[in-house]
Amino acid sequence: MASFRFGRGARLSGRRDFDAVFGRGRRLKGDNLILWHVASSNPQAPARLGLSISAKFGGAVQRNRAKRLVREAFRLNRAAFKKGVSIVAYPRPGCRWAAMPDAARDLMELCRRAGILA
């Protein structure tokens, strides 16, 4: 059974992890989201997510809501991702998701285009 937790193993943490994804990863742009992805050094590790969001997005309340929506979309769909992939999601300024299904649709569409879904 798939775990729906979003614990430490599901997150990118630290500058080194983010630099690896930004430096070696591929980028895809969507209307509301930019996605970087790279295969990690451990091909059996579960998929991991990191979030980057600009102050241009809006105030702290808007930025935190966007991060929560993307995290929840990733958490609920984590079993659909290939093993050993690290992802950084960047919600674009002007993004107006009404609810989590909107964020999930955008995230999963970019991941499908990137070929990182199992």
N, C-alpha and C. Protein backbone atom coordinates (compact mmCIF):
# COMPACT_ATOMS: atom_id res chain seq x y z
N MET A 1 0.83 -1.18 0.00
CA MET A 1 0.00 0.00 0.00
C MET A 1 0.88 1.24 0.00
N ALA A 2 0.51 2.24 -0.78
CA ALA A 2 1.30 3.45 -0.89
C ALA A 2 1.18 4.30 0.36
N SER A 3 2.29 4.90 0.76
CA SER A 3 2.29 5.80 1.90
C SER A 3 1.92 7.20 1.44
N PHE A 4 1.00 7.82 2.17
CA PHE A 4 0.58 9.17 1.81
C PHE A 4 1.23 10.22 2.70
N ARG A 5 2.27 9.84 3.40
CA ARG A 5 2.97 10.79 4.26
C ARG A 5 3.85 11.70 3.43
N PHE A 6 4.10 12.89 3.96
CA PHE A 6 5.03 13.82 3.33
C PHE A 6 6.11 14.14 4.36
N GLY A 7 6.87 13.12 4.69
CA GLY A 7 7.91 13.24 5.71
C GLY A 7 9.23 13.73 5.12
N ARG A 8 10.25 13.60 5.91
CA ARG A 8 11.58 14.09 5.53
C ARG A 8 12.08 13.45 4.23
N GLY A 9 11.79 12.18 4.03
CA GLY A 9 12.25 11.50 2.82
C GLY A 9 11.55 11.95 1.55
N ALA A 10 10.48 12.69 1.68
CA ALA A 10 9.72 13.16 0.51
C ALA A 10 10.10 14.57 0.10
N ARG A 11 10.98 15.20 0.88
CA ARG A 11 11.31 16.61 0.64
C ARG A 11 12.76 16.78 0.23
N LEU A 12 12.98 17.76 -0.62
CA LEU A 12 14.34 18.22 -0.85
C LEU A 12 14.66 19.16 0.29
N SER A 13 15.81 18.97 0.90
CA SER A 13 16.16 19.84 2.03
C SER A 13 17.61 20.25 1.88
N GLY A 14 17.83 21.48 1.95
CA GLY A 14 19.20 21.97 1.90
C GLY A 14 19.59 22.48 0.52
N ARG A 15 20.51 23.36 0.55
CA ARG A 15 20.98 24.01 -0.66
C ARG A 15 21.56 23.03 -1.67
N ARG A 16 22.28 22.03 -1.19
CA ARG A 16 22.92 21.06 -2.07
C ARG A 16 21.89 20.32 -2.93
N ASP A 17 20.77 19.92 -2.32
CA ASP A 17 19.72 19.24 -3.07
C ASP A 17 19.12 20.14 -4.14
N PHE A 18 18.81 21.38 -3.77
CA PHE A 18 18.23 22.32 -4.73
C PHE A 18 19.21 22.67 -5.84
N ASP A 19 20.48 22.88 -5.48
CA ASP A 19 21.50 23.20 -6.50
C ASP A 19 21.66 22.06 -7.49
N ALA A 20 21.56 20.82 -7.03
CA ALA A 20 21.68 19.68 -7.93
C ALA A 20 20.54 19.67 -8.94
N VAL A 21 19.33 19.96 -8.49
CA VAL A 21 18.18 19.95 -9.40
C VAL A 21 18.26 21.14 -10.36
N PHE A 22 18.56 22.32 -9.84
CA PHE A 22 18.64 23.50 -10.70
C PHE A 22 19.82 23.40 -11.67
N GLY A 23 20.93 22.84 -11.22
CA GLY A 23 22.13 22.79 -12.05
C GLY A 23 22.10 21.70 -13.11
N ARG A 24 21.64 20.50 -12.76
CA ARG A 24 21.66 19.38 -13.69
C ARG A 24 20.30 19.03 -14.26
N GLY A 25 19.25 19.63 -13.68
CA GLY A 25 17.90 19.24 -14.05
C GLY A 25 17.41 19.87 -15.34
N ARG A 26 16.30 19.33 -15.82
CA ARG A 26 15.62 19.86 -17.00
C ARG A 26 14.44 20.70 -16.53
N ARG A 27 14.09 21.72 -17.31
CA ARG A 27 13.03 22.64 -16.93
C ARG A 27 11.87 22.56 -17.92
N LEU A 28 10.67 22.57 -17.38
CA LEU A 28 9.46 22.65 -18.19
C LEU A 28 8.61 23.79 -17.66
N LYS A 29 8.01 24.53 -18.57
CA LYS A 29 7.17 25.66 -18.18
C LYS A 29 5.72 25.37 -18.50
N GLY A 30 4.86 25.70 -17.56
CA GLY A 30 3.42 25.66 -17.75
C GLY A 30 2.87 27.05 -17.52
N ASP A 31 1.57 27.19 -17.65
CA ASP A 31 0.95 28.49 -17.45
C ASP A 31 1.08 28.96 -16.01
N ASN A 32 0.95 28.06 -15.06
CA ASN A 32 0.95 28.42 -13.65
C ASN A 32 2.13 27.89 -12.85
N LEU A 33 2.96 27.08 -13.47
CA LEU A 33 4.00 26.37 -12.73
C LEU A 33 5.22 26.15 -13.62
N ILE A 34 6.40 26.26 -13.03
CA ILE A 34 7.65 25.87 -13.69
C ILE A 34 8.18 24.68 -12.90
N LEU A 35 8.66 23.67 -13.60
CA LEU A 35 9.09 22.42 -12.97
C LEU A 35 10.50 22.07 -13.43
N TRP A 36 11.38 21.81 -12.47
CA TRP A 36 12.72 21.27 -12.75
C TRP A 36 12.72 19.84 -12.23
N HIS A 37 13.39 18.95 -12.95
CA HIS A 37 13.47 17.56 -12.48
C HIS A 37 14.80 16.96 -12.88
N VAL A 38 15.27 16.03 -12.05
CA VAL A 38 16.53 15.34 -12.31
C VAL A 38 16.46 13.97 -11.62
N ALA A 39 17.12 13.00 -12.21
CA ALA A 39 17.23 11.68 -11.59
C ALA A 39 18.23 11.78 -10.45
N SER A 40 17.89 11.24 -9.30
CA SER A 40 18.79 11.31 -8.15
C SER A 40 19.85 10.21 -8.25
N SER A 41 20.82 10.26 -7.34
CA SER A 41 21.91 9.28 -7.36
C SER A 41 21.43 7.90 -6.91
N ASN A 42 20.32 7.84 -6.20
CA ASN A 42 19.76 6.56 -5.74
C ASN A 42 18.50 6.26 -6.55
N PRO A 43 18.57 5.38 -7.54
CA PRO A 43 17.41 5.13 -8.41
C PRO A 43 16.26 4.42 -7.72
N GLN A 44 16.46 3.90 -6.51
CA GLN A 44 15.37 3.23 -5.79
C GLN A 44 14.71 4.12 -4.74
N ALA A 45 15.23 5.32 -4.58
CA ALA A 45 14.66 6.25 -3.60
C ALA A 45 13.32 6.78 -4.10
N PRO A 46 12.39 7.03 -3.20
CA PRO A 46 11.11 7.59 -3.64
C PRO A 46 11.29 9.01 -4.17
N ALA A 47 10.34 9.46 -4.96
CA ALA A 47 10.37 10.81 -5.52
C ALA A 47 10.37 11.84 -4.40
N ARG A 48 11.09 12.94 -4.65
CA ARG A 48 11.18 14.02 -3.65
C ARG A 48 10.79 15.35 -4.29
N LEU A 49 10.22 16.23 -3.49
CA LEU A 49 9.73 17.53 -3.96
C LEU A 49 10.37 18.65 -3.16
N GLY A 50 10.75 19.69 -3.88
CA GLY A 50 11.17 20.94 -3.26
C GLY A 50 10.35 22.07 -3.86
N LEU A 51 10.16 23.12 -3.11
CA LEU A 51 9.37 24.25 -3.57
C LEU A 51 10.20 25.52 -3.51
N SER A 52 10.06 26.33 -4.54
CA SER A 52 10.69 27.63 -4.60
C SER A 52 9.62 28.61 -5.03
N ILE A 53 9.49 29.72 -4.34
CA ILE A 53 8.44 30.68 -4.69
C ILE A 53 8.97 32.09 -4.45
N SER A 54 8.70 32.95 -5.40
CA SER A 54 9.20 34.31 -5.37
C SER A 54 8.29 35.21 -4.55
N ALA A 55 8.87 36.27 -3.98
CA ALA A 55 8.08 37.27 -3.27
C ALA A 55 7.16 38.00 -4.25
N LYS A 56 7.46 37.93 -5.53
CA LYS A 56 6.61 38.55 -6.55
C LYS A 56 5.25 37.85 -6.63
N PHE A 57 5.15 36.65 -6.10
CA PHE A 57 3.91 35.89 -6.15
C PHE A 57 2.81 36.60 -5.37
N GLY A 58 3.18 37.19 -4.27
CA GLY A 58 2.22 37.88 -3.42
C GLY A 58 2.69 37.88 -1.99
N GLY A 59 1.79 38.20 -1.09
CA GLY A 59 2.13 38.23 0.33
C GLY A 59 2.36 36.82 0.87
N ALA A 60 2.72 36.76 2.13
CA ALA A 60 3.04 35.48 2.76
C ALA A 60 1.85 34.53 2.73
N VAL A 61 0.65 35.05 2.89
CA VAL A 61 -0.53 34.19 2.90
C VAL A 61 -0.71 33.52 1.54
N GLN A 62 -0.57 34.28 0.45
CA GLN A 62 -0.72 33.72 -0.89
C GLN A 62 0.40 32.73 -1.20
N ARG A 63 1.64 33.07 -0.82
CA ARG A 63 2.76 32.17 -1.09
C ARG A 63 2.60 30.86 -0.32
N ASN A 64 2.22 30.94 0.94
CA ASN A 64 2.07 29.72 1.74
C ASN A 64 0.91 28.86 1.24
N ARG A 65 -0.17 29.49 0.78
CA ARG A 65 -1.28 28.71 0.24
C ARG A 65 -0.85 27.97 -1.02
N ALA A 66 -0.12 28.64 -1.91
CA ALA A 66 0.35 27.99 -3.13
C ALA A 66 1.26 26.81 -2.79
N LYS A 67 2.14 26.98 -1.82
CA LYS A 67 3.03 25.89 -1.42
C LYS A 67 2.25 24.72 -0.84
N ARG A 68 1.25 25.02 -0.01
CA ARG A 68 0.42 23.94 0.55
C ARG A 68 -0.31 23.16 -0.54
N LEU A 69 -0.82 23.89 -1.54
CA LEU A 69 -1.55 23.22 -2.63
C LEU A 69 -0.65 22.29 -3.42
N VAL A 70 0.56 22.75 -3.74
CA VAL A 70 1.49 21.91 -4.51
C VAL A 70 1.95 20.72 -3.67
N ARG A 71 2.27 20.95 -2.41
CA ARG A 71 2.67 19.85 -1.52
C ARG A 71 1.59 18.77 -1.43
N GLU A 72 0.35 19.22 -1.26
CA GLU A 72 -0.75 18.27 -1.13
C GLU A 72 -0.96 17.50 -2.44
N ALA A 73 -0.86 18.18 -3.56
CA ALA A 73 -1.00 17.52 -4.86
C ALA A 73 0.09 16.46 -5.03
N PHE A 74 1.32 16.79 -4.64
CA PHE A 74 2.42 15.83 -4.73
C PHE A 74 2.19 14.67 -3.76
N ARG A 75 1.80 14.97 -2.54
CA ARG A 75 1.61 13.94 -1.52
C ARG A 75 0.56 12.91 -1.96
N LEU A 76 -0.54 13.38 -2.49
CA LEU A 76 -1.61 12.47 -2.88
C LEU A 76 -1.27 11.65 -4.13
N ASN A 77 -0.36 12.15 -4.96
CA ASN A 77 -0.02 11.48 -6.21
C ASN A 77 1.40 10.91 -6.21
N ARG A 78 2.04 10.85 -5.05
CA ARG A 78 3.44 10.45 -4.98
C ARG A 78 3.71 9.06 -5.55
N ALA A 79 2.76 8.16 -5.41
CA ALA A 79 2.95 6.80 -5.92
C ALA A 79 3.00 6.77 -7.45
N ALA A 80 2.52 7.81 -8.11
CA ALA A 80 2.51 7.85 -9.57
C ALA A 80 3.85 8.25 -10.16
N PHE A 81 4.77 8.74 -9.34
CA PHE A 81 6.06 9.22 -9.84
C PHE A 81 7.07 8.08 -9.93
N LYS A 82 7.98 8.19 -10.88
CA LYS A 82 9.08 7.23 -10.98
C LYS A 82 9.95 7.34 -9.76
N LYS A 83 10.58 6.24 -9.40
CA LYS A 83 11.52 6.24 -8.28
C LYS A 83 12.79 6.99 -8.69
N GLY A 84 13.42 7.60 -7.70
CA GLY A 84 14.71 8.24 -7.93
C GLY A 84 14.66 9.58 -8.63
N VAL A 85 13.54 10.27 -8.58
CA VAL A 85 13.44 11.57 -9.24
C VAL A 85 13.32 12.66 -8.18
N SER A 86 14.01 13.77 -8.42
CA SER A 86 13.92 14.94 -7.55
C SER A 86 13.29 16.06 -8.36
N ILE A 87 12.35 16.76 -7.76
CA ILE A 87 11.55 17.76 -8.45
C ILE A 87 11.59 19.06 -7.66
N VAL A 88 11.71 20.19 -8.36
CA VAL A 88 11.49 21.50 -7.75
C VAL A 88 10.36 22.15 -8.52
N ALA A 89 9.35 22.59 -7.79
CA ALA A 89 8.19 23.26 -8.38
C ALA A 89 8.25 24.74 -8.01
N TYR A 90 7.96 25.59 -8.99
CA TYR A 90 7.98 27.03 -8.81
C TYR A 90 6.64 27.59 -9.30
N PRO A 91 5.69 27.86 -8.38
CA PRO A 91 4.44 28.49 -8.81
C PRO A 91 4.72 29.89 -9.35
N ARG A 92 4.21 30.17 -10.53
CA ARG A 92 4.50 31.44 -11.19
C ARG A 92 3.63 32.58 -10.63
N PRO A 93 4.21 33.78 -10.56
CA PRO A 93 3.40 34.93 -10.16
C PRO A 93 2.19 35.06 -11.10
N GLY A 94 1.06 35.38 -10.55
CA GLY A 94 -0.16 35.47 -11.34
C GLY A 94 -0.96 34.18 -11.35
N CYS A 95 -0.41 33.13 -10.78
CA CYS A 95 -1.10 31.84 -10.70
C CYS A 95 -2.30 31.99 -9.77
N ARG A 96 -3.44 31.55 -10.22
CA ARG A 96 -4.65 31.65 -9.40
C ARG A 96 -5.36 30.30 -9.34
N TRP A 97 -4.86 29.44 -8.48
CA TRP A 97 -5.51 28.16 -8.28
C TRP A 97 -6.65 28.36 -7.31
N ALA A 98 -7.82 27.87 -7.65
CA ALA A 98 -8.97 28.00 -6.76
C ALA A 98 -8.91 26.95 -5.65
N ALA A 99 -8.39 25.77 -5.98
CA ALA A 99 -8.34 24.68 -5.00
C ALA A 99 -7.24 23.70 -5.39
N MET A 100 -7.04 22.69 -4.54
CA MET A 100 -5.99 21.71 -4.75
C MET A 100 -6.11 20.96 -6.07
N PRO A 101 -7.31 20.61 -6.56
CA PRO A 101 -7.37 19.92 -7.86
C PRO A 101 -6.77 20.73 -9.01
N ASP A 102 -6.85 22.05 -8.94
CA ASP A 102 -6.23 22.88 -9.98
C ASP A 102 -4.71 22.76 -9.94
N ALA A 103 -4.14 22.80 -8.73
CA ALA A 103 -2.70 22.64 -8.57
C ALA A 103 -2.27 21.24 -8.99
N ALA A 104 -3.05 20.23 -8.61
CA ALA A 104 -2.72 18.84 -8.98
C ALA A 104 -2.76 18.66 -10.49
N ARG A 105 -3.74 19.24 -11.15
CA ARG A 105 -3.83 19.12 -12.60
C ARG A 105 -2.59 19.72 -13.27
N ASP A 106 -2.18 20.91 -12.84
CA ASP A 106 -1.00 21.55 -13.43
C ASP A 106 0.28 20.76 -13.14
N LEU A 107 0.44 20.31 -11.89
CA LEU A 107 1.63 19.55 -11.52
C LEU A 107 1.72 18.24 -12.30
N MET A 108 0.63 17.50 -12.34
CA MET A 108 0.65 16.20 -13.00
C MET A 108 0.80 16.35 -14.52
N GLU A 109 0.25 17.39 -15.10
CA GLU A 109 0.41 17.62 -16.55
C GLU A 109 1.87 17.88 -16.89
N LEU A 110 2.55 18.72 -16.11
CA LEU A 110 3.97 18.97 -16.37
C LEU A 110 4.81 17.71 -16.13
N CYS A 111 4.46 16.95 -15.12
CA CYS A 111 5.20 15.70 -14.85
C CYS A 111 4.98 14.69 -15.97
N ARG A 112 3.78 14.64 -16.50
CA ARG A 112 3.50 13.75 -17.64
C ARG A 112 4.34 14.17 -18.84
N ARG A 113 4.38 15.47 -19.12
CA ARG A 113 5.18 15.98 -20.23
C ARG A 113 6.67 15.71 -20.02
N ALA A 114 7.12 15.74 -18.77
CA ALA A 114 8.53 15.50 -18.44
C ALA A 114 8.88 14.01 -18.51
N GLY A 115 7.89 13.15 -18.48
CA GLY A 115 8.15 11.71 -18.52
C GLY A 115 8.60 11.15 -17.19
N ILE A 116 8.20 11.77 -16.09
CA ILE A 116 8.65 11.30 -14.78
C ILE A 116 7.53 10.58 -14.02
N LEU A 117 6.45 10.26 -14.70
CA LEU A 117 5.40 9.47 -14.07
C LEU A 117 5.63 8.00 -14.38
N ALA A 118 5.36 7.15 -13.40
CA ALA A 118 5.59 5.71 -13.58
C ALA A 118 4.57 5.10 -14.53
